[in-house]
C-alpha atoms as a PDB file:
ATOM      1  CA  MET A   1       4.315 165.824 220.409  1.00  0.00           C
ATOM      2  CA  ILE A   2       4.458 168.167 223.200  1.00  0.00           C
ATOM      3  CA  LYS A   3       1.295 166.319 225.156  1.00  0.00           C
ATOM      4  CA  GLN A   4       3.634 163.314 224.762  1.00  0.00           C
ATOM      5  CA  ALA A   5       6.559 165.170 226.364  1.00  0.00           C
ATOM      6  CA  ILE A   6       4.340 166.434 229.081  1.00  0.00           C
ATOM      7  CA  LYS A   7       2.378 162.784 229.739  1.00  0.00           C
ATOM      8  CA  ALA A   8       6.245 161.514 229.981  1.00  0.00           C
ATOM      9  CA  ALA A   9       7.357 164.171 232.717  1.00  0.00           C
ATOM     10  CA  VAL A  10       3.937 163.558 234.653  1.00  0.00           C
ATOM     11  CA  PHE A  11       5.071 159.717 234.433  1.00  0.00           C
ATOM     12  CA  ALA A  12       8.364 160.168 235.179  1.00  0.00           C
ATOM     13  CA  ALA A  13       7.171 161.758 238.637  1.00  0.00           C
ATOM     14  CA  ALA A  14       4.489 159.393 239.015  1.00  0.00           C
ATOM     15  CA  VAL A  15       6.900 156.776 238.316  1.00  0.00           C
ATOM     16  CA  ALA A  16       9.488 157.824 241.238  1.00  0.00           C
ATOM     17  CA  GLY A  17       6.143 158.125 243.788  1.00  0.00           C
ATOM     18  CA  ALA A  18       4.730 155.003 243.306  1.00  0.00           C
ATOM     19  CA  ALA A  19       8.205 153.285 242.968  1.00  0.00           C
ATOM     20  CA  SER A  20       8.530 154.440 246.739  1.00  0.00           C
ATOM     21  CA  ALA A  21       4.787 153.603 247.831  1.00  0.00           C
ATOM     22  CA  SER A  22       5.611 149.914 246.586  1.00  0.00           C
ATOM     23  CA  ALA A  23       8.098 148.945 248.535  1.00  0.00           C
ATOM     24  CA  ALA A  24       8.963 148.855 252.782  1.00  0.00           C
ATOM     25  CA  PRO A  25       8.564 152.550 254.050  1.00  0.00           C
ATOM     26  CA  TRP A  26      11.539 154.060 254.210  1.00  0.00           C
ATOM     27  CA  THR A  27      13.431 156.342 257.016  1.00  0.00           C
ATOM     28  CA  LEU A  28      13.122 160.107 256.051  1.00  0.00           C
ATOM     29  CA  ASN A  29      15.753 162.382 257.967  1.00  0.00           C
ATOM     30  CA  TYR A  30      14.837 166.320 257.957  1.00  0.00           C
ATOM     31  CA  ALA A  31      15.723 169.181 260.062  1.00  0.00           C
ATOM     32  CA  GLY A  32      12.897 168.438 262.686  1.00  0.00           C
ATOM     33  CA  GLY A  33      13.755 164.579 263.317  1.00  0.00           C
ATOM     34  CA  SER A  34      12.809 161.957 261.006  1.00  0.00           C
ATOM     35  CA  THR A  35      10.111 159.627 260.139  1.00  0.00           C
ATOM     36  CA  SER A  36      10.325 155.781 259.335  1.00  0.00           C
ATOM     37  CA  GLN A  37       6.961 155.704 257.709  1.00  0.00           C
ATOM     38  CA  PHE A  38       8.086 157.457 254.466  1.00  0.00           C
ATOM     39  CA  ALA A  39       6.441 156.270 251.014  1.00  0.00           C
ATOM     40  CA  GLY A  40       6.967 159.434 248.821  1.00  0.00           C
ATOM     41  CA  PHE A  41       5.969 162.660 248.565  1.00  0.00           C
ATOM     42  CA  ASP A  42       2.559 164.671 247.308  1.00  0.00           C
ATOM     43  CA  TRP A  43       3.960 167.253 244.552  1.00  0.00           C
ATOM     44  CA  ALA A  44       2.228 170.625 244.163  1.00  0.00           C
ATOM     45  CA  SER A  45      -0.272 170.389 241.201  1.00  0.00           C
ATOM     46  CA  ASN A  46       1.240 174.117 240.218  1.00  0.00           C
ATOM     47  CA  GLY A  47       4.506 172.544 239.142  1.00  0.00           C
ATOM     48  CA  THR A  48       5.811 173.980 236.012  1.00  0.00           C
ATOM     49  CA  ALA A  49       6.642 172.670 232.774  1.00  0.00           C
ATOM     50  CA  ILE A  50       8.966 174.761 230.398  1.00  0.00           C
ATOM     51  CA  VAL A  51       9.533 173.594 226.570  1.00  0.00           C
ATOM     52  CA  THR A  52      12.699 174.469 224.751  1.00  0.00           C
ATOM     53  CA  GLY A  53      13.240 173.998 220.992  1.00  0.00           C
ATOM     54  CA  PHE A  54       9.772 173.190 219.910  1.00  0.00           C
ATOM     55  CA  ASN A  55       8.559 174.091 216.665  1.00  0.00           C
ATOM     56  CA  PRO A  56       4.779 173.467 216.251  1.00  0.00           C
ATOM     57  CA  PHE A  57       5.044 173.927 212.622  1.00  0.00           C
ATOM     58  CA  ILE A  58       7.295 170.839 211.725  1.00  0.00           C
ATOM     59  CA  PRO A  59       5.033 168.548 210.283  1.00  0.00           C
ATOM     60  CA  VAL A  60       4.571 165.451 212.045  1.00  0.00           C
ATOM     61  CA  SER A  61       6.440 163.264 209.951  1.00  0.00           C
ATOM     62  CA  GLY A  62       9.189 165.709 210.033  1.00  0.00           C
ATOM     63  CA  SER A  63      12.052 165.442 212.851  1.00  0.00           C
ATOM     64  CA  THR A  64      12.272 167.746 215.582  1.00  0.00           C
ATOM     65  CA  ASN A  65      14.127 168.305 218.815  1.00  0.00           C
ATOM     66  CA  PHE A  66      13.368 170.012 221.872  1.00  0.00           C
ATOM     67  CA  SER A  67      13.377 169.470 225.411  1.00  0.00           C
ATOM     68  CA  LEU A  68      11.124 169.788 228.618  1.00  0.00           C
ATOM     69  CA  GLU A  69      11.861 170.847 232.071  1.00  0.00           C
ATOM     70  CA  TYR A  70       9.332 169.832 234.627  1.00  0.00           C
ATOM     71  CA  TYR A  71       9.941 171.639 238.452  1.00  0.00           C
ATOM     72  CA  ALA A  72       7.619 171.130 241.348  1.00  0.00           C
ATOM     73  CA  THR A  73       7.693 171.220 245.331  1.00  0.00           C
ATOM     74  CA  ALA A  74       6.344 168.764 247.679  1.00  0.00           C
ATOM     75  CA  ASP A  75       3.514 169.979 249.413  1.00  0.00           C
ATOM     76  CA  ALA A  76       3.261 166.913 251.824  1.00  0.00           C
ATOM     77  CA  VAL A  77       5.175 163.704 253.047  1.00  0.00           C
ATOM     78  CA  LYS A  78       3.027 160.320 252.464  1.00  0.00           C
ATOM     79  CA  ASN A  79       2.782 157.244 254.757  1.00  0.00           C
ATOM     80  CA  MET A  80       2.393 153.775 253.559  1.00  0.00           C
ATOM     81  CA  SER A  81      -1.412 153.955 253.414  1.00  0.00           C
ATOM     82  CA  GLY A  82      -1.238 156.943 251.241  1.00  0.00           C
ATOM     83  CA  GLY A  83      -2.161 159.787 254.125  1.00  0.00           C
ATOM     84  CA  THR A  84      -0.369 162.539 254.918  1.00  0.00           C
ATOM     85  CA  ILE A  85       2.598 162.262 257.599  1.00  0.00           C
ATOM     86  CA  GLY A  86       0.997 165.454 259.658  1.00  0.00           C
ATOM     87  CA  GLY A  87       1.285 166.799 263.636  1.00  0.00           C
ATOM     88  CA  ALA A  88       3.627 169.714 264.642  1.00  0.00           C
ATOM     89  CA  GLY A  89       7.460 168.871 264.201  1.00  0.00           C
ATOM     90  CA  SER A  90       6.265 166.597 261.275  1.00  0.00           C
ATOM     91  CA  ALA A  91       8.038 166.742 258.016  1.00  0.00           C
ATOM     92  CA  THR A  92       5.009 168.000 256.187  1.00  0.00           C
ATOM     93  CA  ALA A  93       4.956 170.266 259.258  1.00  0.00           C
ATOM     94  CA  GLY A  94       8.069 171.918 258.070  1.00  0.00           C
ATOM     95  CA  ILE A  95       7.136 172.057 254.286  1.00  0.00           C
ATOM     96  CA  VAL A  96       3.885 174.417 255.462  1.00  0.00           C
ATOM     97  CA  ASN A  97       5.559 176.209 257.978  1.00  0.00           C
ATOM     98  CA  GLY A  98       8.467 177.011 255.167  1.00  0.00           C
ATOM     99  CA  LEU A  99      11.209 175.425 257.066  1.00  0.00           C
ATOM    100  CA  PHE A 100      12.784 173.344 254.592  1.00  0.00           C
ATOM    101  CA  GLU A 101      11.374 172.245 250.768  1.00  0.00           C
ATOM    102  CA  TYR A 102      11.730 168.925 248.976  1.00  0.00           C
ATOM    103  CA  SER A 103      11.708 169.787 244.983  1.00  0.00           C
ATOM    104  CA  ILE A 104      11.537 167.819 241.537  1.00  0.00           C
ATOM    105  CA  LEU A 105      13.562 168.532 238.699  1.00  0.00           C
ATOM    106  CA  ALA A 106      12.882 166.220 235.590  1.00  0.00           C
ATOM    107  CA  ASN A 107      14.306 166.715 232.091  1.00  0.00           C
ATOM    108  CA  ILE A 108      13.115 164.976 229.076  1.00  0.00           C
ATOM    109  CA  THR A 109      14.759 165.439 225.361  1.00  0.00           C
ATOM    110  CA  GLU A 110      12.768 164.403 222.370  1.00  0.00           C
ATOM    111  CA  THR A 111      14.760 163.653 219.281  1.00  0.00           C
END
């Protein structure tokens, strides 16, 4: 059950990224300028998932309510071909240099 919740959180984040990649590029405005080739974020692989209210001792046939929260920050900004939008003054450079941050929070409740 916990694996399903984790998969659901990862799926939700992937769908959010894939939806932007399948559409025409968007314009992303950031502290250092803007880019018109924005297609999505490359979320950090060290994101955090926190489960609350889960009881592993309830039988599979039983009912348990719990929630999973997923947090991550972006490592890079991606263009339509899946490459990183880089270079001095780019949004990715701003992330790497600590000038700003893009974050995701997903909450899934299992009932």
